[in-house]
C-alpha atoms as a PDB file:
ATOM      1  CA  MET A   1      27.070  -9.849 -28.461  1.00  0.00           C
ATOM      2  CA  PRO A   2      29.133 -12.911 -27.452  1.00  0.00           C
ATOM      3  CA  ALA A   3      28.501 -15.815 -29.807  1.00  0.00           C
ATOM      4  CA  ALA A   4      27.988 -18.447 -27.147  1.00  0.00           C
ATOM      5  CA  LEU A   5      25.703 -17.116 -24.451  1.00  0.00           C
ATOM      6  CA  ARG A   6      24.223 -19.814 -22.234  1.00  0.00           C
ATOM      7  CA  ILE A   7      20.751 -19.180 -20.851  1.00  0.00           C
ATOM      8  CA  LEU A   8      18.948 -21.269 -18.266  1.00  0.00           C
ATOM      9  CA  LEU A   9      15.241 -21.738 -18.925  1.00  0.00           C
ATOM     10  CA  TYR A  10      13.126 -22.947 -16.028  1.00  0.00           C
ATOM     11  CA  ARG A  11       9.396 -23.022 -15.354  1.00  0.00           C
ATOM     12  CA  GLY A  12       7.715 -24.693 -12.455  1.00  0.00           C
ATOM     13  CA  ASP A  13       5.280 -26.337 -14.879  1.00  0.00           C
ATOM     14  CA  GLY A  14       8.079 -27.629 -17.118  1.00  0.00           C
ATOM     15  CA  GLN A  15       6.777 -25.858 -20.231  1.00  0.00           C
ATOM     16  CA  VAL A  16      10.113 -24.484 -21.484  1.00  0.00           C
ATOM     17  CA  ALA A  17      10.352 -25.974 -24.988  1.00  0.00           C
ATOM     18  CA  PRO A  18       8.444 -23.140 -26.747  1.00  0.00           C
ATOM     19  CA  TRP A  19      10.627 -20.560 -24.991  1.00  0.00           C
ATOM     20  CA  ALA A  20      13.773 -22.383 -26.112  1.00  0.00           C
ATOM     21  CA  GLU A  21      12.485 -22.493 -29.694  1.00  0.00           C
ATOM     22  CA  ASP A  22      11.737 -18.763 -29.728  1.00  0.00           C
ATOM     23  CA  LEU A  23      15.103 -17.879 -28.224  1.00  0.00           C
ATOM     24  CA  ALA A  24      16.934 -20.029 -30.771  1.00  0.00           C
ATOM     25  CA  ARG A  25      14.973 -18.460 -33.635  1.00  0.00           C
ATOM     26  CA  LEU A  26      15.377 -14.848 -32.525  1.00  0.00           C
ATOM     27  CA  MET A  27      18.872 -15.105 -31.048  1.00  0.00           C
ATOM     28  CA  PRO A  28      20.951 -17.389 -33.282  1.00  0.00           C
ATOM     29  CA  GLY A  29      23.878 -19.031 -31.541  1.00  0.00           C
ATOM     30  CA  VAL A  30      22.382 -18.901 -28.046  1.00  0.00           C
ATOM     31  CA  GLU A  31      22.569 -22.112 -26.015  1.00  0.00           C
ATOM     32  CA  THR A  32      19.645 -22.848 -23.724  1.00  0.00           C
ATOM     33  CA  VAL A  33      19.948 -25.279 -20.850  1.00  0.00           C
ATOM     34  CA  GLY A  34      17.446 -26.788 -18.455  1.00  0.00           C
ATOM     35  CA  TRP A  35      17.566 -27.896 -14.852  1.00  0.00           C
ATOM     36  CA  GLN A  36      15.846 -30.516 -12.740  1.00  0.00           C
ATOM     37  CA  GLU A  37      15.652 -30.997  -9.003  1.00  0.00           C
ATOM     38  CA  GLY A  38      18.822 -32.620  -7.689  1.00  0.00           C
ATOM     39  CA  GLU A  39      21.035 -31.500 -10.565  1.00  0.00           C
ATOM     40  CA  THR A  40      24.004 -29.166 -10.364  1.00  0.00           C
ATOM     41  CA  LEU A  41      23.507 -26.254 -12.724  1.00  0.00           C
ATOM     42  CA  ALA A  42      26.217 -25.722 -15.309  1.00  0.00           C
ATOM     43  CA  ALA A  43      27.635 -22.207 -15.637  1.00  0.00           C
ATOM     44  CA  CYS A  44      25.168 -19.849 -17.349  1.00  0.00           C
ATOM     45  CA  ASP A  45      25.216 -16.203 -18.365  1.00  0.00           C
ATOM     46  CA  TYR A  46      21.535 -15.537 -17.695  1.00  0.00           C
ATOM     47  CA  ALA A  47      18.478 -17.246 -16.226  1.00  0.00           C
ATOM     48  CA  VAL A  48      14.892 -16.917 -17.466  1.00  0.00           C
ATOM     49  CA  LEU A  49      12.481 -18.219 -14.829  1.00  0.00           C
ATOM     50  CA  TRP A  50       8.922 -18.625 -13.647  1.00  0.00           C
ATOM     51  CA  ASN A  51       7.997 -20.147 -10.269  1.00  0.00           C
ATOM     52  CA  PRO A  52      11.522 -21.405  -9.537  1.00  0.00           C
ATOM     53  CA  ALA A  53      12.261 -24.258  -7.176  1.00  0.00           C
ATOM     54  CA  PRO A  54      13.910 -22.978  -3.969  1.00  0.00           C
ATOM     55  CA  SER A  55      16.877 -25.317  -4.429  1.00  0.00           C
ATOM     56  CA  LEU A  56      17.686 -23.695  -7.777  1.00  0.00           C
ATOM     57  CA  LEU A  57      18.205 -20.194  -6.370  1.00  0.00           C
ATOM     58  CA  PRO A  58      21.618 -20.672  -4.694  1.00  0.00           C
ATOM     59  CA  GLN A  59      22.982 -21.920  -8.024  1.00  0.00           C
ATOM     60  CA  LEU A  60      22.227 -18.620  -9.759  1.00  0.00           C
ATOM     61  CA  ALA A  61      24.820 -16.534  -7.923  1.00  0.00           C
ATOM     62  CA  SER A  62      27.098 -16.243 -10.970  1.00  0.00           C
ATOM     63  CA  VAL A  63      24.545 -15.244 -13.640  1.00  0.00           C
ATOM     64  CA  LYS A  64      24.544 -11.655 -14.870  1.00  0.00           C
ATOM     65  CA  ALA A  65      20.785 -11.246 -14.405  1.00  0.00           C
ATOM     66  CA  VAL A  66      17.619 -13.211 -13.745  1.00  0.00           C
ATOM     67  CA  PHE A  67      14.692 -12.514 -16.062  1.00  0.00           C
ATOM     68  CA  LEU A  68      11.109 -13.278 -15.065  1.00  0.00           C
ATOM     69  CA  MET A  69       8.506 -14.585 -17.508  1.00  0.00           C
ATOM     70  CA  GLY A  70       5.848 -12.209 -16.171  1.00  0.00           C
ATOM     71  CA  ALA A  71       5.233  -8.721 -14.834  1.00  0.00           C
ATOM     72  CA  GLY A  72       4.833  -9.697 -11.171  1.00  0.00           C
ATOM     73  CA  ALA A  73       7.826 -10.265  -8.898  1.00  0.00           C
ATOM     74  CA  ASP A  74       6.098 -11.463  -5.710  1.00  0.00           C
ATOM     75  CA  ALA A  75       6.455 -15.154  -6.615  1.00  0.00           C
ATOM     76  CA  ILE A  76      10.252 -14.895  -6.511  1.00  0.00           C
ATOM     77  CA  LEU A  77      10.714 -12.144  -3.921  1.00  0.00           C
ATOM     78  CA  LYS A  78       9.012 -14.337  -1.327  1.00  0.00           C
ATOM     79  CA  PHE A  79      12.317 -16.240  -1.081  1.00  0.00           C
ATOM     80  CA  GLY A  80      13.967 -13.168   0.486  1.00  0.00           C
ATOM     81  CA  ASP A  81      17.563 -13.715   1.542  1.00  0.00           C
ATOM     82  CA  ALA A  82      17.746 -16.977  -0.414  1.00  0.00           C
ATOM     83  CA  LEU A  83      17.772 -14.997  -3.671  1.00  0.00           C
ATOM     84  CA  PRO A  84      21.081 -14.519  -5.458  1.00  0.00           C
ATOM     85  CA  ASP A  85      22.602 -11.047  -5.334  1.00  0.00           C
ATOM     86  CA  VAL A  86      22.064 -10.333  -9.022  1.00  0.00           C
ATOM     87  CA  PRO A  87      19.610  -8.064 -10.873  1.00  0.00           C
ATOM     88  CA  ILE A  88      16.087  -9.468 -11.227  1.00  0.00           C
ATOM     89  CA  VAL A  89      14.293  -8.098 -14.286  1.00  0.00           C
ATOM     90  CA  ARG A  90      10.538  -8.436 -14.783  1.00  0.00           C
ATOM     91  CA  LEU A  91       8.559  -8.012 -17.991  1.00  0.00           C
ATOM     92  CA  GLY A  92       7.409  -4.452 -18.523  1.00  0.00           C
ATOM     93  CA  ASP A  93       4.522  -5.114 -20.883  1.00  0.00           C
ATOM     94  CA  ALA A  94       5.162  -7.779 -23.532  1.00  0.00           C
ATOM     95  CA  GLY A  95       1.628  -7.631 -24.882  1.00  0.00           C
ATOM     96  CA  MET A  96      -0.063  -7.674 -21.487  1.00  0.00           C
ATOM     97  CA  ALA A  97      -1.123  -4.028 -21.240  1.00  0.00           C
ATOM     98  CA  VAL A  98      -3.655  -4.163 -24.059  1.00  0.00           C
ATOM     99  CA  GLN A  99      -5.150  -7.372 -22.659  1.00  0.00           C
ATOM    100  CA  MET A 100      -5.478  -5.795 -19.238  1.00  0.00           C
ATOM    101  CA  ALA A 101      -7.172  -2.749 -20.736  1.00  0.00           C
ATOM    102  CA  GLU A 102      -9.600  -4.978 -22.651  1.00  0.00           C
ATOM    103  CA  TYR A 103     -10.501  -6.879 -19.492  1.00  0.00           C
ATOM    104  CA  VAL A 104     -11.058  -3.771 -17.386  1.00  0.00           C
ATOM    105  CA  ALA A 105     -13.040  -2.067 -20.147  1.00  0.00           C
ATOM    106  CA  TYR A 106     -15.305  -5.100 -20.499  1.00  0.00           C
ATOM    107  CA  ALA A 107     -15.914  -5.416 -16.757  1.00  0.00           C
ATOM    108  CA  THR A 108     -16.573  -1.682 -16.374  1.00  0.00           C
ATOM    109  CA  LEU A 109     -18.921  -1.444 -19.338  1.00  0.00           C
ATOM    110  CA  ARG A 110     -20.788  -4.580 -18.279  1.00  0.00           C
ATOM    111  CA  TYR A 111     -21.604  -2.882 -14.972  1.00  0.00           C
ATOM    112  CA  PHE A 112     -22.092   0.635 -16.357  1.00  0.00           C
ATOM    113  CA  ARG A 113     -24.429  -0.499 -19.165  1.00  0.00           C
ATOM    114  CA  ARG A 114     -26.168  -2.907 -16.745  1.00  0.00           C
ATOM    115  CA  PHE A 115     -25.509  -5.898 -18.984  1.00  0.00           C
ATOM    116  CA  ASP A 116     -25.216  -8.139 -15.921  1.00  0.00           C
ATOM    117  CA  GLU A 117     -28.791  -7.218 -14.999  1.00  0.00           C
ATOM    118  CA  TYR A 118     -30.014  -7.702 -18.571  1.00  0.00           C
ATOM    119  CA  GLU A 119     -28.420 -11.161 -18.607  1.00  0.00           C
ATOM    120  CA  GLU A 120     -30.360 -12.046 -15.480  1.00  0.00           C
ATOM    121  CA  GLN A 121     -33.582 -10.679 -16.976  1.00  0.00           C
ATOM    122  CA  ALA A 122     -33.049 -12.677 -20.166  1.00  0.00           C
ATOM    123  CA  ARG A 123     -32.708 -15.888 -18.171  1.00  0.00           C
ATOM    124  CA  HIS A 124     -36.200 -15.221 -16.832  1.00  0.00           C
ATOM    125  CA  GLY A 125     -37.717 -14.092 -20.117  1.00  0.00           C
ATOM    126  CA  LEU A 126     -38.066 -10.471 -19.013  1.00  0.00           C
ATOM    127  CA  TRP A 127     -38.046  -7.484 -21.412  1.00  0.00           C
ATOM    128  CA  SER A 128     -37.566  -4.442 -19.213  1.00  0.00           C
ATOM    129  CA  PRO A 129     -35.291  -1.506 -20.143  1.00  0.00           C
ATOM    130  CA  LEU A 130     -33.493  -0.119 -17.090  1.00  0.00           C
ATOM    131  CA  PRO A 131     -32.587   3.514 -16.311  1.00  0.00           C
ATOM    132  CA  THR A 132     -29.172   4.465 -17.616  1.00  0.00           C
ATOM    133  CA  TYR A 133     -26.326   5.633 -15.391  1.00  0.00           C
ATOM    134  CA  ALA A 134     -24.691   9.038 -15.891  1.00  0.00           C
ATOM    135  CA  LYS A 135     -21.100   8.664 -17.017  1.00  0.00           C
ATOM    136  CA  GLU A 136     -20.008  11.703 -15.022  1.00  0.00           C
ATOM    137  CA  ASP A 137     -21.058   9.798 -11.875  1.00  0.00           C
ATOM    138  CA  PHE A 138     -18.975   6.774 -12.844  1.00  0.00           C
ATOM    139  CA  THR A 139     -15.425   7.704 -11.928  1.00  0.00           C
ATOM    140  CA  VAL A 140     -12.985   4.872 -12.564  1.00  0.00           C
ATOM    141  CA  GLY A 141     -10.197   4.719  -9.984  1.00  0.00           C
ATOM    142  CA  VAL A 142      -7.045   2.847 -10.975  1.00  0.00           C
ATOM    143  CA  MET A 143      -4.680   1.692  -8.241  1.00  0.00           C
ATOM    144  CA  GLY A 144      -1.200   1.192  -9.678  1.00  0.00           C
ATOM    145  CA  LEU A 145       0.071   3.506 -12.404  1.00  0.00           C
ATOM    146  CA  GLY A 146       2.838   1.480 -13.999  1.00  0.00           C
ATOM    147  CA  LYS A 147       2.851   0.439 -17.653  1.00  0.00           C
ATOM    148  CA  LEU A 148      -0.249  -1.713 -17.321  1.00  0.00           C
ATOM    149  CA  GLY A 149      -2.126   0.828 -15.225  1.00  0.00           C
ATOM    150  CA  LEU A 150      -1.358   3.664 -17.614  1.00  0.00           C
ATOM    151  CA  ARG A 151      -2.796   1.685 -20.527  1.00  0.00           C
ATOM    152  CA  VAL A 152      -5.961   1.063 -18.515  1.00  0.00           C
ATOM    153  CA  VAL A 153      -6.200   4.772 -17.651  1.00  0.00           C
ATOM    154  CA  GLU A 154      -5.802   5.732 -21.315  1.00  0.00           C
ATOM    155  CA  THR A 155      -8.446   3.235 -22.407  1.00  0.00           C
ATOM    156  CA  MET A 156     -11.058   4.267 -19.854  1.00  0.00           C
ATOM    157  CA  ARG A 157     -10.512   7.938 -20.639  1.00  0.00           C
ATOM    158  CA  GLY A 158     -11.109   7.034 -24.271  1.00  0.00           C
ATOM    159  CA  PHE A 159     -14.593   5.848 -23.305  1.00  0.00           C
ATOM    160  CA  GLY A 160     -15.245   9.203 -21.662  1.00  0.00           C
ATOM    161  CA  PHE A 161     -15.178   8.095 -18.035  1.00  0.00           C
ATOM    162  CA  PRO A 162     -13.718  10.402 -15.388  1.00  0.00           C
ATOM    163  CA  VAL A 163     -10.512   8.677 -14.262  1.00  0.00           C
ATOM    164  CA  ARG A 164      -8.436   9.021 -11.134  1.00  0.00           C
ATOM    165  CA  GLY A 165      -5.286   7.165 -10.138  1.00  0.00           C
ATOM    166  CA  TRP A 166      -3.544   6.164  -6.931  1.00  0.00           C
ATOM    167  CA  SER A 167       0.063   5.075  -6.557  1.00  0.00           C
ATOM    168  CA  ARG A 168       2.770   4.798  -3.952  1.00  0.00           C
ATOM    169  CA  SER A 169       4.671   7.801  -5.320  1.00  0.00           C
ATOM    170  CA  ALA A 170       3.323  10.945  -6.953  1.00  0.00           C
ATOM    171  CA  LYS A 171       2.395  10.850 -10.652  1.00  0.00           C
ATOM    172  CA  ASP A 172       1.369  13.589 -13.052  1.00  0.00           C
ATOM    173  CA  ILE A 173      -0.951  12.341 -15.806  1.00  0.00           C
ATOM    174  CA  PRO A 174      -2.764  14.929 -17.932  1.00  0.00           C
ATOM    175  CA  GLY A 175      -6.523  14.741 -17.462  1.00  0.00           C
ATOM    176  CA  VAL A 176      -6.284  12.353 -14.507  1.00  0.00           C
ATOM    177  CA  ASP A 177      -6.710  13.202 -10.824  1.00  0.00           C
ATOM    178  CA  CYS A 178      -3.688  11.582  -9.213  1.00  0.00           C
ATOM    179  CA  TYR A 179      -3.349  10.613  -5.549  1.00  0.00           C
ATOM    180  CA  ALA A 180      -0.246   9.282  -3.853  1.00  0.00           C
ATOM    181  CA  GLY A 181       0.604   7.623  -0.572  1.00  0.00           C
ATOM    182  CA  MET A 182      -1.445   6.008   2.157  1.00  0.00           C
ATOM    183  CA  GLU A 183      -2.498   9.391   3.511  1.00  0.00           C
ATOM    184  CA  ALA A 184      -4.401  10.085   0.256  1.00  0.00           C
ATOM    185  CA  LEU A 185      -5.968   6.643  -0.165  1.00  0.00           C
ATOM    186  CA  ASP A 186      -9.266   7.364   1.606  1.00  0.00           C
ATOM    187  CA  ASP A 187      -9.847  10.519  -0.453  1.00  0.00           C
ATOM    188  CA  PHE A 188      -9.144   8.527  -3.609  1.00  0.00           C
ATOM    189  CA  LEU A 189     -11.601   5.807  -2.613  1.00  0.00           C
ATOM    190  CA  ARG A 190     -14.414   8.190  -1.618  1.00  0.00           C
ATOM    191  CA  GLY A 191     -14.719   9.475  -5.179  1.00  0.00           C
ATOM    192  CA  THR A 192     -14.310   6.143  -6.988  1.00  0.00           C
ATOM    193  CA  ARG A 193     -17.324   4.310  -8.431  1.00  0.00           C
ATOM    194  CA  VAL A 194     -15.360   1.545 -10.201  1.00  0.00           C
ATOM    195  CA  LEU A 195     -12.199   0.520  -8.351  1.00  0.00           C
ATOM    196  CA  VAL A 196      -9.513  -1.256 -10.385  1.00  0.00           C
ATOM    197  CA  SER A 197      -6.507  -2.816  -8.634  1.00  0.00           C
ATOM    198  CA  LEU A 198      -3.298  -3.194 -10.627  1.00  0.00           C
ATOM    199  CA  LEU A 199      -0.964  -2.973  -7.654  1.00  0.00           C
ATOM    200  CA  PRO A 200       1.984  -5.289  -7.055  1.00  0.00           C
ATOM    201  CA  LEU A 201       1.697  -7.551  -4.026  1.00  0.00           C
ATOM    202  CA  THR A 202       3.915  -6.297  -1.222  1.00  0.00           C
ATOM    203  CA  PRO A 203       3.659  -6.379   2.579  1.00  0.00           C
ATOM    204  CA  GLU A 204       1.992  -2.946   2.327  1.00  0.00           C
ATOM    205  CA  THR A 205      -0.643  -4.043  -0.204  1.00  0.00           C
ATOM    206  CA  ASN A 206      -1.473  -7.382   1.428  1.00  0.00           C
ATOM    207  CA  ASN A 207      -5.086  -7.018   2.678  1.00  0.00           C
ATOM    208  CA  LEU A 208      -4.995  -3.372   1.627  1.00  0.00           C
ATOM    209  CA  LEU A 209      -8.636  -3.541   0.559  1.00  0.00           C
ATOM    210  CA  ASP A 210     -10.142  -4.564   3.852  1.00  0.00           C
ATOM    211  CA  ARG A 211     -13.608  -3.851   5.226  1.00  0.00           C
ATOM    212  CA  ARG A 212     -12.848  -0.290   6.306  1.00  0.00           C
ATOM    213  CA  ARG A 213     -11.313   0.751   2.995  1.00  0.00           C
ATOM    214  CA  LEU A 214     -13.904  -1.016   0.859  1.00  0.00           C
ATOM    215  CA  ALA A 215     -16.620   0.675   2.931  1.00  0.00           C
ATOM    216  CA  THR A 216     -14.998   4.020   2.125  1.00  0.00           C
ATOM    217  CA  LEU A 217     -16.087   3.546  -1.495  1.00  0.00           C
ATOM    218  CA  PRO A 218     -19.447   5.151  -2.271  1.00  0.00           C
ATOM    219  CA  GLN A 219     -22.664   3.143  -2.093  1.00  0.00           C
ATOM    220  CA  GLY A 220     -23.017   0.996  -5.198  1.00  0.00           C
ATOM    221  CA  ALA A 221     -19.319   0.924  -6.073  1.00  0.00           C
ATOM    222  CA  TYR A 222     -17.849  -1.939  -8.072  1.00  0.00           C
ATOM    223  CA  LEU A 223     -14.505  -3.733  -7.685  1.00  0.00           C
ATOM    224  CA  ILE A 224     -12.287  -5.122 -10.452  1.00  0.00           C
ATOM    225  CA  ASN A 225      -9.196  -6.979  -9.220  1.00  0.00           C
ATOM    226  CA  VAL A 226      -6.640  -7.986 -11.844  1.00  0.00           C
ATOM    227  CA  ALA A 227      -3.580  -7.669  -9.590  1.00  0.00           C
ATOM    228  CA  ARG A 228      -3.183 -10.187  -6.767  1.00  0.00           C
ATOM    229  CA  GLY A 229      -5.911 -11.823  -4.719  1.00  0.00           C
ATOM    230  CA  ALA A 230      -4.172 -11.279  -1.397  1.00  0.00           C
ATOM    231  CA  GLN A 231      -4.755  -7.533  -1.697  1.00  0.00           C
ATOM    232  CA  VAL A 232      -8.460  -8.058  -0.971  1.00  0.00           C
ATOM    233  CA  ALA A 233      -9.807  -9.283   2.371  1.00  0.00           C
ATOM    234  CA  GLU A 234     -12.194 -11.770   0.780  1.00  0.00           C
ATOM    235  CA  PRO A 235     -14.652 -12.186   3.721  1.00  0.00           C
ATOM    236  CA  ASP A 236     -14.927  -8.392   4.004  1.00  0.00           C
ATOM    237  CA  LEU A 237     -15.708  -8.017   0.305  1.00  0.00           C
ATOM    238  CA  LEU A 238     -18.372 -10.699   0.512  1.00  0.00           C
ATOM    239  CA  THR A 239     -19.976  -9.023   3.535  1.00  0.00           C
ATOM    240  CA  LEU A 240     -20.130  -5.643   1.794  1.00  0.00           C
ATOM    241  CA  ILE A 241     -21.599  -7.140  -1.376  1.00  0.00           C
ATOM    242  CA  ARG A 242     -24.269  -8.970   0.572  1.00  0.00           C
ATOM    243  CA  SER A 243     -25.090  -5.801   2.506  1.00  0.00           C
ATOM    244  CA  GLY A 244     -25.529  -3.930  -0.768  1.00  0.00           C
ATOM    245  CA  HIS A 245     -22.768  -1.365  -0.160  1.00  0.00           C
ATOM    246  CA  ILE A 246     -20.632  -2.905  -2.926  1.00  0.00           C
ATOM    247  CA  ALA A 247     -22.750  -3.625  -6.006  1.00  0.00           C
ATOM    248  CA  GLY A 248     -20.519  -6.451  -7.196  1.00  0.00           C
ATOM    249  CA  ALA A 249     -17.067  -7.433  -8.359  1.00  0.00           C
ATOM    250  CA  THR A 250     -15.192  -8.928 -11.270  1.00  0.00           C
ATOM    251  CA  LEU A 251     -12.274 -10.921  -9.891  1.00  0.00           C
ATOM    252  CA  ASP A 252      -9.481 -12.538 -11.885  1.00  0.00           C
ATOM    253  CA  VAL A 253      -7.140 -13.246  -8.968  1.00  0.00           C
ATOM    254  CA  PHE A 254      -7.613 -14.884  -5.584  1.00  0.00           C
ATOM    255  CA  ARG A 255      -5.716 -15.566  -2.397  1.00  0.00           C
ATOM    256  CA  ASN A 256      -5.720 -19.274  -3.213  1.00  0.00           C
ATOM    257  CA  GLU A 257      -5.592 -20.378  -6.837  1.00  0.00           C
ATOM    258  CA  PRO A 258      -7.305 -22.268  -8.311  1.00  0.00           C
ATOM    259  CA  LEU A 259     -10.213 -20.884  -6.313  1.00  0.00           C
ATOM    260  CA  PRO A 260     -11.333 -23.796  -4.086  1.00  0.00           C
ATOM    261  CA  ALA A 261     -14.609 -25.492  -5.041  1.00  0.00           C
ATOM    262  CA  PRO A 262     -16.437 -24.704  -1.746  1.00  0.00           C
ATOM    263  CA  HIS A 263     -15.437 -21.008  -1.760  1.00  0.00           C
ATOM    264  CA  PRO A 264     -18.469 -18.724  -1.137  1.00  0.00           C
ATOM    265  CA  PHE A 265     -17.523 -16.528  -4.114  1.00  0.00           C
ATOM    266  CA  TRP A 266     -18.786 -19.296  -6.419  1.00  0.00           C
ATOM    267  CA  GLU A 267     -22.272 -18.964  -4.946  1.00  0.00           C
ATOM    268  CA  GLU A 268     -22.495 -15.161  -5.069  1.00  0.00           C
ATOM    269  CA  PRO A 269     -24.167 -14.067  -8.351  1.00  0.00           C
ATOM    270  CA  ARG A 270     -22.834 -10.512  -8.031  1.00  0.00           C
ATOM    271  CA  ILE A 271     -19.249 -11.760  -8.269  1.00  0.00           C
ATOM    272  CA  THR A 272     -17.897 -12.611 -11.711  1.00  0.00           C
ATOM    273  CA  ILE A 273     -14.964 -15.044 -11.595  1.00  0.00           C
ATOM    274  CA  THR A 274     -12.291 -15.633 -14.233  1.00  0.00           C
ATOM    275  CA  PRO A 275      -9.274 -17.982 -13.807  1.00  0.00           C
ATOM    276  CA  HIS A 276      -6.336 -15.514 -13.776  1.00  0.00           C
ATOM    277  CA  ILE A 277      -6.528 -14.771 -17.496  1.00  0.00           C
ATOM    278  CA  SER A 278      -6.845 -10.969 -17.579  1.00  0.00           C
ATOM    279  CA  ALA A 279      -3.381 -10.520 -19.134  1.00  0.00           C
ATOM    280  CA  LEU A 280      -1.445 -13.572 -20.250  1.00  0.00           C
ATOM    281  CA  THR A 281       2.205 -13.359 -21.211  1.00  0.00           C
ATOM    282  CA  VAL A 282       2.594 -13.170 -24.996  1.00  0.00           C
ATOM    283  CA  ARG A 283       5.619 -15.418 -25.321  1.00  0.00           C
ATOM    284  CA  GLY A 284       6.960 -13.982 -28.573  1.00  0.00           C
ATOM    285  CA  GLU A 285       6.832 -10.417 -27.237  1.00  0.00           C
ATOM    286  CA  ALA A 286       8.338 -11.512 -23.926  1.00  0.00           C
ATOM    287  CA  VAL A 287      11.262 -13.256 -25.636  1.00  0.00           C
ATOM    288  CA  ARG A 288      11.946 -10.200 -27.806  1.00  0.00           C
ATOM    289  CA  GLN A 289      11.959  -7.990 -24.729  1.00  0.00           C
ATOM    290  CA  ILE A 290      14.326 -10.321 -22.880  1.00  0.00           C
ATOM    291  CA  ILE A 291      16.681 -10.455 -25.862  1.00  0.00           C
ATOM    292  CA  GLU A 292      16.721  -6.646 -26.145  1.00  0.00           C
ATOM    293  CA  LYS A 293      17.635  -6.356 -22.483  1.00  0.00           C
ATOM    294  CA  ILE A 294      20.318  -9.037 -22.652  1.00  0.00           C
ATOM    295  CA  THR A 295      21.810  -7.205 -25.648  1.00  0.00           C
ATOM    296  CA  ALA A 296      21.794  -3.951 -23.663  1.00  0.00           C
ATOM    297  CA  ILE A 297      23.428  -5.551 -20.632  1.00  0.00           C
ATOM    298  CA  GLU A 298      26.121  -7.120 -22.813  1.00  0.00           C
ATOM    299  CA  ALA A 299      26.779  -3.645 -24.228  1.00  0.00           C
ATOM    300  CA  GLY A 300      27.176  -2.212 -20.730  1.00  0.00           C
ATOM    301  CA  GLN A 301      23.876  -0.336 -20.807  1.00  0.00           C
ATOM    302  CA  GLN A 302      21.221   0.062 -18.111  1.00  0.00           C
ATOM    303  CA  VAL A 303      17.850  -1.646 -18.540  1.00  0.00           C
ATOM    304  CA  ASP A 304      14.458  -0.800 -17.100  1.00  0.00           C
ATOM    305  CA  ASP A 305      12.039  -2.980 -15.096  1.00  0.00           C
ATOM    306  CA  VAL A 306      14.776  -4.092 -12.682  1.00  0.00           C
ATOM    307  CA  VAL A 307      13.024  -5.160  -9.475  1.00  0.00           C
ATOM    308  CA  ASP A 308      13.634  -2.947  -6.444  1.00  0.00           C
ATOM    309  CA  ARG A 309      13.664  -5.492  -3.641  1.00  0.00           C
ATOM    310  CA  SER A 310      13.087  -2.847  -0.996  1.00  0.00           C
ATOM    311  CA  LEU A 311       9.796  -1.875  -2.690  1.00  0.00           C
ATOM    312  CA  GLY A 312       8.728  -5.370  -3.705  1.00  0.00           C
ATOM    313  CA  TYR A 313       8.356  -4.646  -7.429  1.00  0.00           C
END
């Protein structure tokens, strides 16, 4: 490992000091540099970014790789041809998978055990046990079978739910019914009682869950979206919830964030809203992962989680 690597740290919110401290502690001898609008970036070996300013991108042409501070790549890939022709590496897990599994498990169990209905009863002083659902009728369908999706699949299987998965390319997961490609999506949806989206946002997944596809879910299905809000046609979801076809939804992501104050989702009691907190980056784990990959690159080795720009993730 060269003794004097220079790493650019940039976040759109300016909160880079903790990242610099962790890098200095875990990678002695590294030099971290910052950048502000209007400055000319000094030569750097690597860049670690989140929500970069467009004017920064042309100055990254000479770095060996760009590392993202999260698992999603859509926020940087939207710049298209303005991106430097260097590898872009996203976080593979970094402590996010277990958080995502916790969130999905909570949302699923809240619906399955009818806790949302018991909460409403309690507000009105009602004591009225409800019929229980049969677990075999509660298939959980996970869209997106990467590292985060696989942890969710494993967790829900651990609770004894039937689990099926859908992904762009074919997967083989023991004990899980796997579907692949757009031609199999309707079949996947027809047998899914709790639909969980963990898909990356790409042109193909934008508005993927529109009225027709959401209506393909069985009566009384439930939606959990922890991926990207733009994958769901929000007016269509609201219509299907109000019609009773969709029983409700737990949503952590939205097309516009923060969710605007007058948005109708706020007024719909069958929609549970959280402010994009389902899986937060664990900075210490993220920094360790970035350091491991920088070390591998410096040793001439290949690293995983390199973004395929043609796929969008």
